[in-house]
Amino acid sequence: MRLAQKITSLKNEITFRDQAEKRLFWRESVQNIRYTSLCLETFGIVSWALSRLIAHPGITFNTTYTIIGLCGMILGSIATYLSREILTAAISSVIYTLAIAFSFYIDIASAQSPEFWVIPIGIMITVGMAPIFSDPYSYSLDFIIVWIIISYGNVGSLMKSPDSNWVIQIVVAALFMGLLINILFVQERKKIFLVQRELVKLAFKDTLTGIDNRRSLMEALHDVHTRAANGDFYFLMIDIDNFKQVNDTSGHEVGDQVLVGVATIIDQYAHRHSRGRLGGEEFGVVFSGEESAVCDFARQLCQAVAQLQVSAHTVTVSIGISKLRETMSLTEIYRLADQGLYEAKHHGKNRYVLAS
């Protein structure tokens, strides 16, 4: 029930925490709408091709302009397929819409009553392509350019017609309809992104400390284990000394403060390595580096944690270290680190032991 309420609240949230998250959203949006964009662009090309097939047999089209328009649509679709960033996606969308507008303009110019086709084709292009633009500004600019191309040479006859007021109203209505569709699609993508972000956090982050949870850390350990033959990797099992005593004497609230404090220090010192909470008062780090480097890291971590004071409690940690070897299973590596941790505890705590 609480998860459902959280997701509902996220659906009403369309703001980002920082610029980095905003950039991530736009990159993911490009990936998410690429398939939709390609489908719409393919539909546009097919529609244009059908318009040529069902055209009156007596109509002739400019071959050079036809080739230019077709090449532009194909180029725009290829650019859409290859786009990975918001700028390249916007450029590819503009290239395609301008090309298809130009291609249909050739059809309109060749028709017996060209002004008749300006409105329906202009609406089809501008409203139909609204979902693939990432923001209303680029869509509005594209809308204006498309209508300039489509209506070129026919504005006078349209404005002189008895229904000119209707023409203006229909074009303005098409603009607002396209903007509404574009804004709604962008907002829906934002909501999906924010919900996915929260679900990822719930799946891979420890809710108390904010660092990775056991599942995330073990996946990182498994990934590194597959590359153990190509580098030096170590697994560190970190346990808070006398944690039960802290809980028994000062309560679980202080115990939580200790966990958060230790996790913050681990996160600070191991920011270049995978780290997380294994459960209870145990943490882990997957370290990439030589033996001397991992020993220096473990020593510095012990010293840093020993300076932590929480409600009159001096906090220390013991660390067991095992080297990742491709000949050893993850269970054996984990057991070896646990053995090193046991030896560190047995020899006085607040220290590390590299098990072998």
Protein backbone atom coordinates (compact mmCIF):
# COMPACT_ATOMS: atom_id res chain seq x y z
CA MET A 1 0.00 0.00 0.00
CA ARG A 2 2.80 2.43 0.87
CA LEU A 3 4.59 1.61 -2.39
CA ALA A 4 1.40 2.27 -4.35
CA GLN A 5 0.96 5.61 -2.58
CA LYS A 6 4.60 6.50 -3.30
CA ILE A 7 4.21 5.71 -6.99
CA THR A 8 1.00 7.74 -7.12
CA SER A 9 2.78 10.72 -5.59
CA LEU A 10 5.64 10.33 -8.07
CA LYS A 11 3.17 10.47 -10.95
CA ASN A 12 2.25 13.97 -9.82
CA GLU A 13 5.92 14.99 -9.61
CA ILE A 14 7.49 16.29 -12.80
CA THR A 15 10.59 18.02 -11.44
CA PHE A 16 14.15 16.76 -11.26
CA ARG A 17 16.50 16.71 -8.31
CA ASP A 18 19.41 18.26 -10.19
CA GLN A 19 20.78 18.96 -13.65
CA ALA A 20 22.51 15.57 -13.82
CA GLU A 21 19.18 13.78 -13.37
CA LYS A 22 17.60 16.06 -15.97
CA ARG A 23 20.32 15.21 -18.50
CA LEU A 24 19.83 11.51 -17.73
CA PHE A 25 16.10 11.87 -18.37
CA TRP A 26 16.65 13.48 -21.76
CA ARG A 27 19.14 10.79 -22.78
CA GLU A 28 16.74 8.04 -21.75
CA SER A 29 13.87 9.83 -23.48
CA VAL A 30 15.79 9.73 -26.74
CA GLN A 31 16.18 5.98 -26.34
CA ASN A 32 12.56 5.42 -25.29
CA ILE A 33 10.91 7.39 -28.10
CA ARG A 34 13.28 6.27 -30.84
CA TYR A 35 11.14 3.26 -31.75
CA THR A 36 7.97 5.39 -31.74
CA SER A 37 9.68 8.01 -33.88
CA LEU A 38 10.82 5.43 -36.42
CA CYS A 39 7.31 3.98 -36.61
CA LEU A 40 5.78 7.40 -37.22
CA GLU A 41 8.44 8.29 -39.77
CA THR A 42 7.95 4.99 -41.59
CA PHE A 43 4.21 5.61 -41.64
CA GLY A 44 4.85 9.04 -43.14
CA ILE A 45 7.05 7.65 -45.90
CA VAL A 46 4.50 4.93 -46.70
CA SER A 47 1.67 7.51 -46.77
CA TRP A 48 3.65 9.69 -49.15
CA ALA A 49 4.44 6.70 -51.38
CA LEU A 50 0.73 5.75 -51.46
CA SER A 51 -0.17 9.31 -52.43
CA ARG A 52 2.03 8.89 -55.49
CA LEU A 53 0.55 5.50 -56.34
CA ILE A 54 -3.05 6.73 -56.23
CA ALA A 55 -2.32 10.07 -57.90
CA HIS A 56 -4.14 10.87 -61.12
CA PRO A 57 -2.34 9.22 -64.07
CA GLY A 58 -2.07 12.53 -65.89
CA ILE A 59 -0.15 14.26 -63.08
CA THR A 60 3.62 14.55 -63.50
CA PHE A 61 6.00 15.18 -60.63
CA ASN A 62 9.38 16.85 -60.63
CA THR A 63 11.85 13.96 -60.51
CA THR A 64 14.70 15.98 -58.97
CA TYR A 65 12.50 17.35 -56.18
CA THR A 66 11.05 13.90 -55.58
CA ILE A 67 14.51 12.39 -55.12
CA ILE A 68 15.54 15.26 -52.81
CA GLY A 69 12.43 14.78 -50.66
CA LEU A 70 12.79 11.00 -50.47
CA CYS A 71 16.50 11.22 -49.63
CA GLY A 72 15.70 13.79 -46.92
CA MET A 73 13.11 11.50 -45.31
CA ILE A 74 15.46 8.52 -45.41
CA LEU A 75 18.31 10.62 -44.02
CA GLY A 76 16.08 11.88 -41.21
CA SER A 77 15.01 8.33 -40.31
CA ILE A 78 18.61 7.09 -40.31
CA ALA A 79 19.60 10.03 -38.09
CA THR A 80 16.73 9.13 -35.73
CA TYR A 81 17.93 5.53 -35.54
CA LEU A 82 21.50 6.62 -34.77
CA SER A 83 20.64 9.46 -32.36
CA ARG A 84 21.65 9.02 -28.73
CA GLU A 85 21.53 12.59 -27.41
CA ILE A 86 18.73 15.12 -27.22
CA LEU A 87 20.34 17.53 -29.69
CA THR A 88 20.91 14.92 -32.40
CA ALA A 89 17.38 13.58 -31.87
CA ALA A 90 15.92 17.08 -32.31
CA ILE A 91 17.97 17.65 -35.47
CA SER A 92 16.91 14.31 -36.95
CA SER A 93 13.24 15.10 -36.24
CA VAL A 94 13.54 18.49 -37.92
CA ILE A 95 15.28 16.98 -40.97
CA TYR A 96 12.56 14.38 -41.37
CA THR A 97 9.59 16.70 -40.90
CA LEU A 98 11.01 19.27 -43.30
CA ALA A 99 11.69 16.55 -45.87
CA ILE A 100 8.20 15.06 -45.64
CA ALA A 101 6.65 18.53 -45.75
CA PHE A 102 8.65 19.27 -48.90
CA SER A 103 7.67 15.91 -50.43
CA PHE A 104 3.97 16.48 -49.82
CA TYR A 105 4.31 20.05 -51.08
CA ILE A 106 5.43 18.61 -54.43
CA ASP A 107 2.22 16.54 -54.46
CA ILE A 108 0.13 19.58 -53.55
CA ALA A 109 1.75 21.75 -56.22
CA SER A 110 0.97 19.11 -58.84
CA ALA A 111 -2.70 18.73 -57.86
CA GLN A 112 -5.54 20.36 -59.76
CA SER A 113 -6.78 22.13 -56.58
CA PRO A 114 -3.62 22.56 -54.48
CA GLU A 115 -5.21 24.86 -51.87
CA PHE A 116 -7.66 22.06 -51.01
CA TRP A 117 -4.84 19.81 -49.75
CA VAL A 118 -2.87 22.37 -47.72
CA ILE A 119 -4.94 22.15 -44.52
CA PRO A 120 -5.37 18.35 -44.19
CA ILE A 121 -1.78 17.56 -45.09
CA GLY A 122 -0.40 20.32 -42.84
CA ILE A 123 -2.45 19.00 -39.91
CA MET A 124 -1.46 15.40 -40.62
CA ILE A 125 2.26 16.24 -40.51
CA THR A 126 2.35 18.70 -37.60
CA VAL A 127 -0.08 16.91 -35.28
CA GLY A 128 1.14 13.44 -36.21
CA MET A 129 4.78 14.28 -35.46
CA ALA A 130 4.06 16.09 -32.17
CA PRO A 131 4.94 13.12 -29.88
CA ILE A 132 8.50 12.73 -31.18
CA PHE A 133 9.69 16.21 -30.20
CA SER A 134 11.35 16.52 -26.81
CA ASP A 135 10.01 19.97 -25.92
CA PRO A 136 7.30 22.39 -27.05
CA TYR A 137 9.81 24.99 -28.26
CA SER A 138 11.42 22.84 -30.94
CA TYR A 139 7.97 21.56 -31.90
CA SER A 140 6.59 25.10 -32.29
CA LEU A 141 9.53 26.10 -34.49
CA ASP A 142 9.08 23.00 -36.60
CA PHE A 143 5.33 23.67 -36.84
CA ILE A 144 5.93 27.12 -38.29
CA ILE A 145 8.49 25.90 -40.82
CA VAL A 146 6.28 23.00 -41.97
CA TRP A 147 3.31 25.29 -42.56
CA ILE A 148 5.49 27.75 -44.49
CA ILE A 149 6.60 24.92 -46.79
CA ILE A 150 3.17 23.31 -47.19
CA SER A 151 1.30 26.55 -47.85
CA TYR A 152 3.93 28.14 -50.10
CA GLY A 153 2.21 29.67 -53.11
CA ASN A 154 -1.28 28.97 -51.77
CA VAL A 155 -1.63 31.49 -48.95
CA GLY A 156 -3.19 34.12 -51.21
CA SER A 157 -5.93 31.85 -52.53
CA LEU A 158 -6.68 30.54 -49.04
CA MET A 159 -6.98 34.04 -47.59
CA LYS A 160 -9.23 35.19 -50.45
CA SER A 161 -11.65 32.33 -49.97
CA PRO A 162 -14.97 32.97 -48.17
CA ASP A 163 -13.87 30.57 -45.43
CA SER A 164 -10.54 32.26 -44.66
CA ASN A 165 -11.51 32.75 -41.01
CA TRP A 166 -12.04 29.02 -40.71
CA VAL A 167 -8.64 28.38 -42.24
CA ILE A 168 -6.92 30.53 -39.61
CA GLN A 169 -8.89 28.93 -36.78
CA ILE A 170 -8.06 25.42 -37.99
CA VAL A 171 -4.32 26.16 -38.24
CA VAL A 172 -4.28 27.75 -34.77
CA ALA A 173 -6.29 24.82 -33.37
CA ALA A 174 -3.79 22.41 -34.96
CA LEU A 175 -0.94 24.28 -33.26
CA PHE A 176 -2.56 24.07 -29.83
CA MET A 177 -3.55 20.44 -30.35
CA GLY A 178 0.02 19.54 -31.35
CA LEU A 179 1.44 21.47 -28.38
CA LEU A 180 -0.98 19.72 -26.02
CA ILE A 181 -0.03 16.29 -27.39
CA ASN A 182 3.68 17.15 -27.18
CA ILE A 183 3.47 18.45 -23.59
CA LEU A 184 1.39 15.48 -22.44
CA PHE A 185 3.83 13.00 -23.98
CA VAL A 186 6.81 14.76 -22.35
CA GLN A 187 5.08 14.80 -18.96
CA GLU A 188 4.20 11.12 -19.23
CA ARG A 189 7.81 10.29 -20.05
CA LYS A 190 8.90 12.29 -17.00
CA LYS A 191 6.47 10.41 -14.76
CA ILE A 192 7.65 7.05 -16.07
CA PHE A 193 11.27 8.09 -15.55
CA LEU A 194 10.64 9.19 -11.95
CA VAL A 195 8.74 6.01 -11.11
CA GLN A 196 11.52 3.90 -12.63
CA ARG A 197 14.07 5.86 -10.62
CA GLU A 198 12.22 5.10 -7.40
CA LEU A 199 11.82 1.42 -8.26
CA VAL A 200 15.53 1.13 -9.03
CA LYS A 201 16.28 2.81 -5.72
CA LEU A 202 14.03 0.36 -3.87
CA ALA A 203 15.59 -2.60 -5.67
CA PHE A 204 19.27 -1.67 -5.40
CA LYS A 205 19.64 0.86 -2.58
CA ASP A 206 19.63 0.35 1.17
CA THR A 207 16.76 2.43 2.52
CA LEU A 208 18.49 3.35 5.79
CA THR A 209 22.00 4.25 4.67
CA GLY A 210 21.38 5.23 1.05
CA ILE A 211 24.25 3.13 -0.34
CA ASP A 212 23.85 -0.02 -2.44
CA ASN A 213 22.13 -2.98 -0.83
CA ARG A 214 23.25 -6.60 -0.73
CA ARG A 215 21.65 -7.45 -4.06
CA SER A 216 23.42 -4.64 -5.89
CA LEU A 217 26.78 -5.36 -4.24
CA MET A 218 26.62 -9.08 -4.97
CA GLU A 219 25.84 -8.36 -8.62
CA ALA A 220 28.92 -6.11 -8.75
CA LEU A 221 30.97 -8.87 -7.09
CA HIS A 222 29.72 -11.39 -9.64
CA ASP A 223 30.57 -9.05 -12.51
CA VAL A 224 34.11 -8.47 -11.22
CA HIS A 225 34.59 -12.18 -10.56
CA THR A 226 34.11 -12.89 -14.28
CA ARG A 227 37.06 -10.54 -14.95
CA ALA A 228 39.27 -11.77 -12.11
CA ALA A 229 41.83 -13.24 -14.50
CA ASN A 230 42.45 -9.84 -16.08
CA GLY A 231 43.23 -7.78 -12.98
CA ASP A 232 43.63 -7.54 -9.22
CA PHE A 233 40.31 -7.47 -7.36
CA TYR A 234 39.53 -7.88 -3.66
CA PHE A 235 36.41 -8.30 -1.59
CA LEU A 236 36.31 -6.55 1.79
CA MET A 237 33.82 -7.65 4.44
CA ILE A 238 33.40 -4.86 6.99
CA ASP A 239 31.72 -5.37 10.37
CA ILE A 240 31.00 -2.75 13.03
CA ASP A 241 32.62 -3.76 16.35
CA ASN A 242 30.40 -4.15 19.42
CA PHE A 243 27.30 -3.06 17.52
CA LYS A 244 24.95 -5.18 19.62
CA GLN A 245 26.23 -3.38 22.71
CA VAL A 246 25.34 -0.02 21.14
CA ASN A 247 21.81 -1.20 20.43
CA ASP A 248 21.40 -2.72 23.90
CA THR A 249 22.68 0.31 25.82
CA SER A 250 21.53 3.25 23.69
CA GLY A 251 18.68 1.89 21.59
CA HIS A 252 18.11 1.18 17.95
CA GLU A 253 17.84 4.84 17.02
CA VAL A 254 21.48 5.39 18.01
CA GLY A 255 22.33 2.10 16.31
CA ASP A 256 20.83 3.46 13.10
CA GLN A 257 22.93 6.60 13.46
CA VAL A 258 26.04 4.43 13.74
CA LEU A 259 25.07 2.50 10.60
CA VAL A 260 24.48 5.70 8.66
CA GLY A 261 27.75 7.21 9.90
CA VAL A 262 29.82 4.17 8.93
CA ALA A 263 28.06 3.91 5.57
CA THR A 264 28.83 7.57 4.86
CA ILE A 265 32.53 7.05 5.57
CA ILE A 266 32.65 3.90 3.41
CA ASP A 267 30.86 5.74 0.62
CA GLN A 268 33.34 8.60 0.86
CA TYR A 269 36.49 6.49 0.89
CA ALA A 270 35.31 3.84 -1.60
CA HIS A 271 33.64 6.18 -4.10
CA ARG A 272 35.67 4.65 -6.96
CA HIS A 273 34.70 1.11 -6.03
CA SER A 274 31.48 -0.85 -5.62
CA ARG A 275 30.28 -0.73 -2.01
CA GLY A 276 27.12 -1.56 -0.14
CA ARG A 277 25.44 -2.87 2.96
CA LEU A 278 25.35 -6.64 3.22
CA GLY A 279 22.86 -6.63 6.07
CA GLY A 280 22.75 -5.77 9.76
CA GLU A 281 26.03 -4.16 10.73
CA GLU A 282 27.98 -5.69 7.82
CA PHE A 283 29.16 -3.82 4.75
CA GLY A 284 31.18 -4.82 1.72
CA VAL A 285 33.50 -3.26 -0.84
CA VAL A 286 34.64 -4.71 -4.16
CA PHE A 287 38.09 -3.17 -4.56
CA SER A 288 40.07 -2.90 -7.79
CA GLY A 289 43.80 -2.52 -7.27
CA GLU A 290 47.00 -4.12 -6.04
CA GLU A 291 47.46 -5.80 -2.67
CA SER A 292 49.33 -2.84 -1.19
CA ALA A 293 46.55 -0.49 -2.33
CA VAL A 294 43.75 -2.53 -0.77
CA CYS A 295 45.70 -2.81 2.50
CA ASP A 296 46.24 0.96 2.58
CA PHE A 297 42.56 1.47 1.86
CA ALA A 298 41.49 -0.89 4.68
CA ARG A 299 43.87 0.81 7.13
CA GLN A 300 42.62 4.29 6.23
CA LEU A 301 39.03 3.12 6.54
CA CYS A 302 39.64 1.74 10.02
CA GLN A 303 41.30 5.00 11.07
CA ALA A 304 38.50 7.14 9.63
CA VAL A 305 35.73 5.15 11.32
CA ALA A 306 37.61 5.22 14.65
CA GLN A 307 37.17 9.00 14.68
CA LEU A 308 33.39 8.63 14.53
CA GLN A 309 31.59 9.45 17.79
CA VAL A 310 27.89 8.69 18.12
CA SER A 311 26.16 9.39 21.43
CA ALA A 312 29.33 8.83 23.49
CA HIS A 313 30.12 5.62 21.58
CA THR A 314 33.46 5.31 19.80
CA VAL A 315 32.81 3.37 16.64
CA THR A 316 35.33 0.97 15.08
CA VAL A 317 35.21 -1.64 12.36
CA SER A 318 36.99 -4.90 11.61
CA ILE A 319 37.70 -5.91 8.03
CA GLY A 320 38.32 -9.25 6.36
CA ILE A 321 39.83 -9.21 2.87
CA SER A 322 39.90 -11.95 0.25
CA LYS A 323 41.42 -11.85 -3.23
CA LEU A 324 39.17 -12.71 -6.14
CA ARG A 325 40.45 -15.66 -8.11
CA GLU A 326 38.79 -17.25 -11.11
CA THR A 327 39.56 -20.69 -9.65
CA MET A 328 37.46 -19.90 -6.56
CA SER A 329 33.68 -19.69 -6.43
CA LEU A 330 31.94 -16.64 -5.02
CA THR A 331 30.92 -18.72 -2.00
CA GLU A 332 34.58 -19.55 -1.31
CA ILE A 333 35.63 -15.91 -1.75
CA TYR A 334 32.88 -14.80 0.61
CA ARG A 335 33.84 -17.46 3.16
CA LEU A 336 37.51 -16.45 2.96
CA ALA A 337 36.65 -12.80 3.64
CA ASP A 338 34.50 -13.92 6.57
CA GLN A 339 37.48 -15.91 7.88
CA GLY A 340 39.67 -12.80 7.68
CA LEU A 341 36.99 -10.83 9.52
CA TYR A 342 36.88 -13.44 12.26
CA GLU A 343 40.66 -13.23 12.68
CA ALA A 344 40.51 -9.42 12.84
CA LYS A 345 37.89 -9.66 15.59
CA HIS A 346 39.90 -12.32 17.43
CA HIS A 347 43.08 -10.22 17.41
CA GLY A 348 41.53 -7.14 19.03
CA LYS A 349 39.16 -5.59 16.48
CA ASN A 350 39.61 -2.20 14.78
CA ARG A 351 41.93 -3.78 12.20
CA TYR A 352 41.97 -5.66 8.90
CA VAL A 353 43.22 -9.10 7.94
CA LEU A 354 44.04 -10.24 4.42
CA ALA A 355 43.02 -13.90 4.40
CA SER A 356 44.86 -16.39 2.25
